[in-house]
Every structure is written in structure tokens, then in C-alpha cells.
Amino acid sequence: MAHEILMLGTGNAFLPHGRHHSFCCIDKKHIIDAPPTALASLRRAGIKISDIETIFITHVHGDHVFGFPFLLLERRYISDRDMIKPLTIVGSKMVKERLWQLCQLAYPGSLEEIFETINWVDEVSGIVNGWSFERFKVFHDASVDPHGYRLEHSSGANLVHSGDTGPCETLYQAIERSSIAIVEMGIPEWVPSEEHHKPSDIEVLSQRVPNTKLLLTHTYLDMSDSEFEVLMSNQYPIFSSNVTHAYDGICLKWDGQNWN
């Protein structure tokens, strides 16, 4: 069975030049998070909003969920006016509460009906729309309930998404069992935080998991071909061969054994 990972956005919260917010789409049907640029990213890729079947939420920081009301509004009034296309959201109980608050703030009176049609899944593991999932805690701001995901299909295709986190053993153990990991590298070396991966963390991880592809997202790096004044940096660290700096629009396909 053919599968694909499409990175619709690869930037961190500050939107480095040439990047939308970090945003992953699997098989044009399943998305991880719903950042502020989600609707624009899906439009740019030509993906119909009502074709999205599953949203996996990693945590509730603004750059990961503030696009949700716009996705729901579009479904309700444009691509699924009769509200017949099923939508499942996987996340903790906090996720449902926070997304409801966002909908009420953004469009009070407009999203209640469609919100009630959503299938909410708050278990830490299960199967949704053909993919088994494991949701595990990661090391980030505890107030936003941070998690990563490991997904696997019956075809053998599998992946890990880190969400936002610094070095974290639960994440690394999941990566060790996986063909590819989409890992955030949100800050440069000089930023005094342990809640995001820095380049040195990625290098250590790449040595630990030499047989797993690491696809870097949520990056602080401008695209190297940007014509604008550098925002934070455009100097790309050089990593081991199993590491790839993702860019908006990069697509990897499952060949039955690996992602290429």
C-alpha cells in the first residue's frame, strides 16, 4: 500500500523566512497538529479540507493549535456543509477543552454543530482510520500537556513525530523502533532552554539511531534561498547521513520497507 509523508510546514513559532508553521500530513488524510498556517498550507498543497480524517494533537501551544477554528469553519461552510464527512481528533482531555475554547473565541455561535460531530479519542493507544497510534509524554512545558506520537500501519509503514520537546528518553525509545522520526530542532545552540532540540542534541540522537531517518522540522533556520534579511540564522549544521533538513513541500513515500 502506498503511503506518503508531506511536510506542509517546517518552521518554528517565529516563522523563519520561507516556512509555514511545522505541519505534517500523512496520505493527504491525516494531519499532526493544526497550526495558524494550517489552512494556507493545505490550500497550497491542493488538499481538500473535508478530506482530512484525523488530527493528532501533540500539545496546545498556539503555533500548534491556533489554526483549528479555521479548519473547522472551512469544513462547516465550504467543503462539508452537510457535516457528513467524519473527523477524528486524537489528544488528551485538555485538547478537547482547549480547542472548544478557541472555537468559542474565534467564531461564537458558528461552530457548535460541527464540533459536536467530532469523534474524540483520548486513549494513549489505539487504532484510528487504519493507523495504530501510541501517544507518549515528552519534555516540554507541562502546562500545555506535551506528547509525541508513534504511528504504524498494517502495511508496515511507521513513523514517529516528536511534537515539541527537548531530549527525552520516551521519544528516543520510540524512535529506535521506527523507520523515520520527524523531530523538532526549534532553537540554536545559544538559546538557554532544554525544552527544544538544539543542533548538538540532533547530532547525539543521530549517532544513537543510525538506522532511522531523522527529518528535522519546527526549525529556527531561514530557507537558504531567502532574499530577506536573516531572521535568526541561515547557517545549516552538517549532520550525519541519516539526518535531513526538511522544507515546506518535502514529500517522502513508503516503498514497502523504507521512506524515501
C-alpha atoms as a PDB file:
ATOM      1  CA  MET A   1       0.000   0.000   0.000  1.00  0.00           C
ATOM      2  CA  ALA A   2       1.337   3.443  -0.931  1.00  0.00           C
ATOM      3  CA  HIS A   3       1.861   5.939   1.847  1.00  0.00           C
ATOM      4  CA  GLU A   4       3.386   9.403   1.928  1.00  0.00           C
ATOM      5  CA  ILE A   5       4.590  11.935   4.448  1.00  0.00           C
ATOM      6  CA  LEU A   6       4.139  15.501   3.227  1.00  0.00           C
ATOM      7  CA  MET A   7       5.622  18.319   5.275  1.00  0.00           C
ATOM      8  CA  LEU A   8       3.280  21.245   4.719  1.00  0.00           C
ATOM      9  CA  GLY A   9       5.245  23.482   7.076  1.00  0.00           C
ATOM     10  CA  THR A  10       8.620  23.255   8.784  1.00  0.00           C
ATOM     11  CA  GLY A  11       9.111  26.482  10.742  1.00  0.00           C
ATOM     12  CA  ASN A  12       9.002  27.159  14.466  1.00  0.00           C
ATOM     13  CA  ALA A  13       6.709  29.675  16.165  1.00  0.00           C
ATOM     14  CA  PHE A  14       8.648  32.619  14.710  1.00  0.00           C
ATOM     15  CA  LEU A  15       8.099  31.605  11.057  1.00  0.00           C
ATOM     16  CA  PRO A  16      11.611  31.714   9.583  1.00  0.00           C
ATOM     17  CA  HIS A  17      11.710  33.085   6.035  1.00  0.00           C
ATOM     18  CA  GLY A  18      10.244  30.643   3.527  1.00  0.00           C
ATOM     19  CA  ARG A  19       8.477  28.430   6.047  1.00  0.00           C
ATOM     20  CA  HIS A  20       4.963  27.963   7.399  1.00  0.00           C
ATOM     21  CA  HIS A  21       4.471  26.619  10.916  1.00  0.00           C
ATOM     22  CA  SER A  22       5.530  22.988  11.386  1.00  0.00           C
ATOM     23  CA  PHE A  23       2.769  20.801   9.948  1.00  0.00           C
ATOM     24  CA  CYS A  24       2.788  17.177   8.807  1.00  0.00           C
ATOM     25  CA  CYS A  25       0.234  15.448   6.565  1.00  0.00           C
ATOM     26  CA  ILE A  26       0.092  11.683   6.071  1.00  0.00           C
ATOM     27  CA  ASP A  27      -1.578  10.200   2.981  1.00  0.00           C
ATOM     28  CA  LYS A  28      -3.390  13.521   2.421  1.00  0.00           C
ATOM     29  CA  LYS A  29      -5.886  12.350   5.079  1.00  0.00           C
ATOM     30  CA  HIS A  30      -4.235  12.654   8.483  1.00  0.00           C
ATOM     31  CA  ILE A  31      -2.547  15.706   9.975  1.00  0.00           C
ATOM     32  CA  ILE A  32      -0.425  16.288  13.042  1.00  0.00           C
ATOM     33  CA  ASP A  33      -1.484  19.482  14.823  1.00  0.00           C
ATOM     34  CA  ALA A  34      -3.400  22.430  13.383  1.00  0.00           C
ATOM     35  CA  PRO A  35      -1.082  25.451  13.376  1.00  0.00           C
ATOM     36  CA  PRO A  36      -2.129  29.014  12.472  1.00  0.00           C
ATOM     37  CA  THR A  37      -0.897  28.463   8.904  1.00  0.00           C
ATOM     38  CA  ALA A  38      -2.693  25.096   8.525  1.00  0.00           C
ATOM     39  CA  LEU A  39      -5.443  26.277   6.186  1.00  0.00           C
ATOM     40  CA  ALA A  40      -2.959  28.144   3.989  1.00  0.00           C
ATOM     41  CA  SER A  41      -0.648  25.114   3.933  1.00  0.00           C
ATOM     42  CA  LEU A  42      -3.431  22.720   2.915  1.00  0.00           C
ATOM     43  CA  ARG A  43      -4.664  25.137   0.248  1.00  0.00           C
ATOM     44  CA  ARG A  44      -1.134  25.489  -1.120  1.00  0.00           C
ATOM     45  CA  ALA A  45      -0.913  21.685  -1.412  1.00  0.00           C
ATOM     46  CA  GLY A  46      -4.314  21.358  -3.063  1.00  0.00           C
ATOM     47  CA  ILE A  47      -5.694  19.175  -0.265  1.00  0.00           C
ATOM     48  CA  LYS A  48      -9.429  19.464   0.334  1.00  0.00           C
ATOM     49  CA  ILE A  49     -10.119  20.288   3.975  1.00  0.00           C
ATOM     50  CA  SER A  50     -13.020  17.863   4.267  1.00  0.00           C
ATOM     51  CA  ASP A  51     -10.756  15.024   3.095  1.00  0.00           C
ATOM     52  CA  ILE A  52      -8.871  15.245   6.395  1.00  0.00           C
ATOM     53  CA  GLU A  53      -9.981  12.295   8.502  1.00  0.00           C
ATOM     54  CA  THR A  54      -7.713  12.528  11.554  1.00  0.00           C
ATOM     55  CA  ILE A  55      -5.950  15.219  13.558  1.00  0.00           C
ATOM     56  CA  PHE A  56      -3.307  14.086  16.043  1.00  0.00           C
ATOM     57  CA  ILE A  57      -2.636  16.892  18.545  1.00  0.00           C
ATOM     58  CA  THR A  58       0.774  16.939  20.225  1.00  0.00           C
ATOM     59  CA  HIS A  59       0.172  19.852  22.618  1.00  0.00           C
ATOM     60  CA  VAL A  60      -1.787  23.087  22.881  1.00  0.00           C
ATOM     61  CA  HIS A  61       0.750  25.854  22.294  1.00  0.00           C
ATOM     62  CA  GLY A  62      -0.545  28.456  19.865  1.00  0.00           C
ATOM     63  CA  ASP A  63       1.715  27.557  16.959  1.00  0.00           C
ATOM     64  CA  HIS A  64       0.307  24.016  17.086  1.00  0.00           C
ATOM     65  CA  VAL A  65      -3.451  24.531  17.526  1.00  0.00           C
ATOM     66  CA  PHE A  66      -4.499  28.108  16.764  1.00  0.00           C
ATOM     67  CA  GLY A  67      -5.397  27.163  13.194  1.00  0.00           C
ATOM     68  CA  PHE A  68      -8.044  24.693  14.317  1.00  0.00           C
ATOM     69  CA  PRO A  69     -11.088  27.048  14.278  1.00  0.00           C
ATOM     70  CA  PHE A  70     -10.302  27.995  10.672  1.00  0.00           C
ATOM     71  CA  LEU A  71     -10.165  24.344   9.592  1.00  0.00           C
ATOM     72  CA  LEU A  72     -13.487  23.664  11.282  1.00  0.00           C
ATOM     73  CA  LEU A  73     -15.059  26.832   9.865  1.00  0.00           C
ATOM     74  CA  GLU A  74     -13.972  25.873   6.357  1.00  0.00           C
ATOM     75  CA  ARG A  75     -15.464  22.386   6.676  1.00  0.00           C
ATOM     76  CA  ARG A  76     -18.739  23.708   8.058  1.00  0.00           C
ATOM     77  CA  TYR A  77     -19.339  26.410   5.454  1.00  0.00           C
ATOM     78  CA  ILE A  78     -17.334  25.385   2.382  1.00  0.00           C
ATOM     79  CA  SER A  79     -16.191  21.797   1.886  1.00  0.00           C
ATOM     80  CA  ASP A  80     -18.612  19.847   4.125  1.00  0.00           C
ATOM     81  CA  ARG A  81     -21.698  21.998   4.593  1.00  0.00           C
ATOM     82  CA  ASP A  82     -23.879  18.991   5.401  1.00  0.00           C
ATOM     83  CA  MET A  83     -21.359  17.802   8.015  1.00  0.00           C
ATOM     84  CA  ILE A  84     -21.288  14.248   6.680  1.00  0.00           C
ATOM     85  CA  LYS A  85     -17.507  13.716   6.470  1.00  0.00           C
ATOM     86  CA  PRO A  86     -16.207  12.106   9.687  1.00  0.00           C
ATOM     87  CA  LEU A  87     -13.390  13.761  11.624  1.00  0.00           C
ATOM     88  CA  THR A  88     -11.464  12.133  14.471  1.00  0.00           C
ATOM     89  CA  ILE A  89      -9.238  14.079  16.834  1.00  0.00           C
ATOM     90  CA  VAL A  90      -6.672  12.255  18.956  1.00  0.00           C
ATOM     91  CA  GLY A  91      -5.386  14.001  22.043  1.00  0.00           C
ATOM     92  CA  SER A  92      -5.714  14.372  25.788  1.00  0.00           C
ATOM     93  CA  LYS A  93      -8.822  15.660  27.543  1.00  0.00           C
ATOM     94  CA  MET A  94      -7.112  19.066  27.729  1.00  0.00           C
ATOM     95  CA  VAL A  95      -7.002  19.124  23.923  1.00  0.00           C
ATOM     96  CA  LYS A  96     -10.790  18.961  23.620  1.00  0.00           C
ATOM     97  CA  GLU A  97     -11.249  21.665  26.245  1.00  0.00           C
ATOM     98  CA  ARG A  98      -8.710  23.996  24.666  1.00  0.00           C
ATOM     99  CA  LEU A  99      -9.984  23.528  21.102  1.00  0.00           C
ATOM    100  CA  TRP A 100     -13.511  24.267  22.284  1.00  0.00           C
ATOM    101  CA  GLN A 101     -12.291  27.483  23.935  1.00  0.00           C
ATOM    102  CA  LEU A 102     -10.565  28.501  20.705  1.00  0.00           C
ATOM    103  CA  CYS A 103     -13.715  27.906  18.663  1.00  0.00           C
ATOM    104  CA  GLN A 104     -15.774  29.958  21.091  1.00  0.00           C
ATOM    105  CA  LEU A 105     -13.271  32.808  20.992  1.00  0.00           C
ATOM    106  CA  ALA A 106     -12.894  32.788  17.230  1.00  0.00           C
ATOM    107  CA  TYR A 107     -16.434  32.181  15.954  1.00  0.00           C
ATOM    108  CA  PRO A 108     -19.029  32.048  18.757  1.00  0.00           C
ATOM    109  CA  GLY A 109     -22.313  30.612  17.503  1.00  0.00           C
ATOM    110  CA  SER A 110     -20.819  29.251  14.266  1.00  0.00           C
ATOM    111  CA  LEU A 111     -19.004  26.038  15.157  1.00  0.00           C
ATOM    112  CA  GLU A 112     -21.113  24.356  17.836  1.00  0.00           C
ATOM    113  CA  GLU A 113     -22.904  21.973  15.456  1.00  0.00           C
ATOM    114  CA  ILE A 114     -19.824  20.689  13.687  1.00  0.00           C
ATOM    115  CA  PHE A 115     -17.822  20.481  16.929  1.00  0.00           C
ATOM    116  CA  GLU A 116     -20.420  18.035  18.238  1.00  0.00           C
ATOM    117  CA  THR A 117     -19.875  15.729  15.251  1.00  0.00           C
ATOM    118  CA  ILE A 118     -16.182  15.164  16.037  1.00  0.00           C
ATOM    119  CA  ASN A 119     -15.068  11.748  17.249  1.00  0.00           C
ATOM    120  CA  TRP A 120     -12.736  12.413  20.190  1.00  0.00           C
ATOM    121  CA  VAL A 121     -10.109   9.835  21.148  1.00  0.00           C
ATOM    122  CA  ASP A 122      -8.218  10.451  24.389  1.00  0.00           C
ATOM    123  CA  GLU A 123      -6.714   6.997  24.926  1.00  0.00           C
ATOM    124  CA  VAL A 124      -2.918   6.730  24.893  1.00  0.00           C
ATOM    125  CA  SER A 125      -3.010   3.987  22.264  1.00  0.00           C
ATOM    126  CA  GLY A 126      -5.427   2.528  19.766  1.00  0.00           C
ATOM    127  CA  ILE A 127      -6.299   2.375  16.081  1.00  0.00           C
ATOM    128  CA  VAL A 128      -7.852   5.224  14.126  1.00  0.00           C
ATOM    129  CA  ASN A 129      -8.585   5.240  10.412  1.00  0.00           C
ATOM    130  CA  GLY A 130      -6.177   2.408   9.657  1.00  0.00           C
ATOM    131  CA  TRP A 131      -3.238   3.638  11.766  1.00  0.00           C
ATOM    132  CA  SER A 132      -2.331   2.331  15.189  1.00  0.00           C
ATOM    133  CA  PHE A 133      -1.001   5.030  17.475  1.00  0.00           C
ATOM    134  CA  GLU A 134       0.920   5.405  20.704  1.00  0.00           C
ATOM    135  CA  ARG A 135       0.866   8.765  22.470  1.00  0.00           C
ATOM    136  CA  PHE A 136       3.654   9.358  24.977  1.00  0.00           C
ATOM    137  CA  LYS A 137       4.735  12.248  27.179  1.00  0.00           C
ATOM    138  CA  VAL A 138       7.714  14.338  26.120  1.00  0.00           C
ATOM    139  CA  PHE A 139       9.857  17.006  27.794  1.00  0.00           C
ATOM    140  CA  HIS A 140       8.284  20.408  27.168  1.00  0.00           C
ATOM    141  CA  ASP A 141       6.175  22.973  29.027  1.00  0.00           C
ATOM    142  CA  ALA A 142       3.963  20.762  31.225  1.00  0.00           C
ATOM    143  CA  SER A 143       1.114  23.285  31.189  1.00  0.00           C
ATOM    144  CA  VAL A 144       0.369  22.500  27.519  1.00  0.00           C
ATOM    145  CA  ASP A 145       0.297  18.699  28.009  1.00  0.00           C
ATOM    146  CA  PRO A 146       3.094  17.814  25.554  1.00  0.00           C
ATOM    147  CA  HIS A 147       3.133  14.451  23.768  1.00  0.00           C
ATOM    148  CA  GLY A 148       4.774  12.704  20.866  1.00  0.00           C
ATOM    149  CA  TYR A 149       3.264  10.018  18.648  1.00  0.00           C
ATOM    150  CA  ARG A 150       4.328   6.764  17.087  1.00  0.00           C
ATOM    151  CA  LEU A 151       2.117   5.661  14.180  1.00  0.00           C
ATOM    152  CA  GLU A 152       2.137   2.334  12.373  1.00  0.00           C
ATOM    153  CA  HIS A 153       0.023   0.950   9.533  1.00  0.00           C
ATOM    154  CA  SER A 154      -0.736  -2.712   8.866  1.00  0.00           C
ATOM    155  CA  SER A 155       1.358  -2.330   5.697  1.00  0.00           C
ATOM    156  CA  GLY A 156       4.428  -1.861   7.897  1.00  0.00           C
ATOM    157  CA  ALA A 157       4.762   1.871   7.332  1.00  0.00           C
ATOM    158  CA  ASN A 158       5.654   3.589  10.581  1.00  0.00           C
ATOM    159  CA  LEU A 159       6.832   6.936  11.875  1.00  0.00           C
ATOM    160  CA  VAL A 160       7.399   8.984  14.993  1.00  0.00           C
ATOM    161  CA  HIS A 161       6.501  12.644  15.467  1.00  0.00           C
ATOM    162  CA  SER A 162       8.231  14.357  18.366  1.00  0.00           C
ATOM    163  CA  GLY A 163       5.893  17.288  18.854  1.00  0.00           C
ATOM    164  CA  ASP A 164       7.870  19.915  20.749  1.00  0.00           C
ATOM    165  CA  THR A 165      10.417  18.539  23.188  1.00  0.00           C
ATOM    166  CA  GLY A 166      13.966  18.570  24.326  1.00  0.00           C
ATOM    167  CA  PRO A 167      15.976  15.364  24.653  1.00  0.00           C
ATOM    168  CA  CYS A 168      13.614  12.760  26.030  1.00  0.00           C
ATOM    169  CA  GLU A 169      14.033   9.046  26.657  1.00  0.00           C
ATOM    170  CA  THR A 170      10.407   8.120  25.868  1.00  0.00           C
ATOM    171  CA  LEU A 171      10.801   9.777  22.472  1.00  0.00           C
ATOM    172  CA  TYR A 172      14.146   8.167  21.763  1.00  0.00           C
ATOM    173  CA  GLN A 173      12.879   4.700  22.634  1.00  0.00           C
ATOM    174  CA  ALA A 174      10.007   5.167  20.183  1.00  0.00           C
ATOM    175  CA  ILE A 175      12.444   6.367  17.509  1.00  0.00           C
ATOM    176  CA  GLU A 176      14.617   3.292  17.996  1.00  0.00           C
ATOM    177  CA  ARG A 177      11.659   1.151  16.890  1.00  0.00           C
ATOM    178  CA  SER A 178      10.842   3.244  13.834  1.00  0.00           C
ATOM    179  CA  SER A 179      11.834   3.806  10.211  1.00  0.00           C
ATOM    180  CA  ILE A 180      11.610   7.596  10.347  1.00  0.00           C
ATOM    181  CA  ALA A 181      11.251  10.257  13.009  1.00  0.00           C
ATOM    182  CA  ILE A 182      10.027  13.785  12.403  1.00  0.00           C
ATOM    183  CA  VAL A 183      11.953  15.679  15.068  1.00  0.00           C
ATOM    184  CA  GLU A 184      11.832  19.310  16.037  1.00  0.00           C
ATOM    185  CA  MET A 185      15.007  21.415  16.126  1.00  0.00           C
ATOM    186  CA  GLY A 186      13.431  24.579  17.429  1.00  0.00           C
ATOM    187  CA  ILE A 187      16.352  26.594  18.762  1.00  0.00           C
ATOM    188  CA  PRO A 188      20.019  27.337  18.006  1.00  0.00           C
ATOM    189  CA  GLU A 189      22.788  26.291  20.355  1.00  0.00           C
ATOM    190  CA  TRP A 190      22.977  29.573  22.279  1.00  0.00           C
ATOM    191  CA  VAL A 191      19.351  29.660  23.498  1.00  0.00           C
ATOM    192  CA  PRO A 192      19.204  28.747  27.225  1.00  0.00           C
ATOM    193  CA  SER A 193      16.391  26.177  27.092  1.00  0.00           C
ATOM    194  CA  GLU A 194      16.213  22.406  27.437  1.00  0.00           C
ATOM    195  CA  GLU A 195      12.645  22.114  26.115  1.00  0.00           C
ATOM    196  CA  HIS A 196      13.604  22.026  22.429  1.00  0.00           C
ATOM    197  CA  HIS A 197      16.244  20.150  20.468  1.00  0.00           C
ATOM    198  CA  LYS A 198      19.389  22.045  19.546  1.00  0.00           C
ATOM    199  CA  PRO A 199      21.824  21.018  16.793  1.00  0.00           C
ATOM    200  CA  SER A 200      24.093  19.240  19.298  1.00  0.00           C
ATOM    201  CA  ASP A 201      21.109  17.193  20.516  1.00  0.00           C
ATOM    202  CA  ILE A 202      20.320  16.132  16.966  1.00  0.00           C
ATOM    203  CA  GLU A 203      23.892  15.010  16.385  1.00  0.00           C
ATOM    204  CA  VAL A 204      23.838  12.871  19.540  1.00  0.00           C
ATOM    205  CA  LEU A 205      20.474  11.383  18.554  1.00  0.00           C
ATOM    206  CA  SER A 206      21.624  10.620  15.015  1.00  0.00           C
ATOM    207  CA  GLN A 207      24.515   8.584  16.403  1.00  0.00           C
ATOM    208  CA  ARG A 208      22.175   6.699  18.717  1.00  0.00           C
ATOM    209  CA  VAL A 209      19.738   5.742  15.917  1.00  0.00           C
ATOM    210  CA  PRO A 210      21.934   5.334  12.799  1.00  0.00           C
ATOM    211  CA  ASN A 211      19.316   3.180  11.032  1.00  0.00           C
ATOM    212  CA  THR A 212      16.443   5.640  11.499  1.00  0.00           C
ATOM    213  CA  LYS A 213      15.900   8.611   9.208  1.00  0.00           C
ATOM    214  CA  LEU A 214      15.596  11.890  11.109  1.00  0.00           C
ATOM    215  CA  LEU A 215      13.570  14.585   9.359  1.00  0.00           C
ATOM    216  CA  LEU A 216      14.090  17.946  11.047  1.00  0.00           C
ATOM    217  CA  THR A 217      11.148  20.302  11.396  1.00  0.00           C
ATOM    218  CA  HIS A 218       9.999  23.195  13.648  1.00  0.00           C
ATOM    219  CA  THR A 219      13.320  24.737  12.708  1.00  0.00           C
ATOM    220  CA  TYR A 220      14.713  28.166  13.520  1.00  0.00           C
ATOM    221  CA  LEU A 221      16.551  28.295  10.173  1.00  0.00           C
ATOM    222  CA  ASP A 222      15.564  30.541   7.286  1.00  0.00           C
ATOM    223  CA  MET A 223      15.413  28.841   3.910  1.00  0.00           C
ATOM    224  CA  SER A 224      18.863  29.231   2.405  1.00  0.00           C
ATOM    225  CA  ASP A 225      17.490  30.863  -0.748  1.00  0.00           C
ATOM    226  CA  SER A 226      15.599  33.595   1.128  1.00  0.00           C
ATOM    227  CA  GLU A 227      16.169  37.092  -0.259  1.00  0.00           C
ATOM    228  CA  PHE A 228      15.320  38.762   3.049  1.00  0.00           C
ATOM    229  CA  GLU A 229      17.436  39.833   5.985  1.00  0.00           C
ATOM    230  CA  VAL A 230      18.283  36.817   8.124  1.00  0.00           C
ATOM    231  CA  LEU A 231      15.775  36.366  10.936  1.00  0.00           C
ATOM    232  CA  MET A 232      17.728  34.092  13.276  1.00  0.00           C
ATOM    233  CA  SER A 233      20.138  32.059  11.151  1.00  0.00           C
ATOM    234  CA  ASN A 234      20.603  30.570   7.708  1.00  0.00           C
ATOM    235  CA  GLN A 235      23.698  28.564   8.602  1.00  0.00           C
ATOM    236  CA  TYR A 236      22.728  24.905   8.341  1.00  0.00           C
ATOM    237  CA  PRO A 237      24.503  22.486  10.688  1.00  0.00           C
ATOM    238  CA  ILE A 238      26.051  19.488   8.933  1.00  0.00           C
ATOM    239  CA  PHE A 239      24.810  16.220  10.387  1.00  0.00           C
ATOM    240  CA  SER A 240      25.231  12.501   9.847  1.00  0.00           C
ATOM    241  CA  SER A 241      23.811  10.999   6.663  1.00  0.00           C
ATOM    242  CA  ASN A 242      20.588   9.826   8.362  1.00  0.00           C
ATOM    243  CA  VAL A 243      19.527  13.442   9.043  1.00  0.00           C
ATOM    244  CA  THR A 244      17.599  15.628   6.580  1.00  0.00           C
ATOM    245  CA  HIS A 245      16.694  19.291   6.982  1.00  0.00           C
ATOM    246  CA  ALA A 246      13.028  19.332   5.934  1.00  0.00           C
ATOM    247  CA  TYR A 247      11.495  22.161   3.912  1.00  0.00           C
ATOM    248  CA  ASP A 248       7.901  23.067   3.135  1.00  0.00           C
ATOM    249  CA  GLY A 249       6.646  20.653   0.498  1.00  0.00           C
ATOM    250  CA  ILE A 250       9.166  17.844   1.025  1.00  0.00           C
ATOM    251  CA  CYS A 251       7.445  14.503   0.421  1.00  0.00           C
ATOM    252  CA  LEU A 252       8.633  11.026   1.390  1.00  0.00           C
ATOM    253  CA  LYS A 253       6.987   7.844   0.134  1.00  0.00           C
ATOM    254  CA  TRP A 254       6.884   4.380   1.674  1.00  0.00           C
ATOM    255  CA  ASP A 255       8.378   1.758  -0.653  1.00  0.00           C
ATOM    256  CA  GLY A 256       7.353  -1.214   1.443  1.00  0.00           C
ATOM    257  CA  GLN A 257      10.421  -1.113   3.651  1.00  0.00           C
ATOM    258  CA  ASN A 258      11.657   2.466   3.945  1.00  0.00           C
ATOM    259  CA  TRP A 259      10.684   6.092   3.491  1.00  0.00           C
ATOM    260  CA  ASN A 260      12.399   7.737   0.503  1.00  0.00           C
END
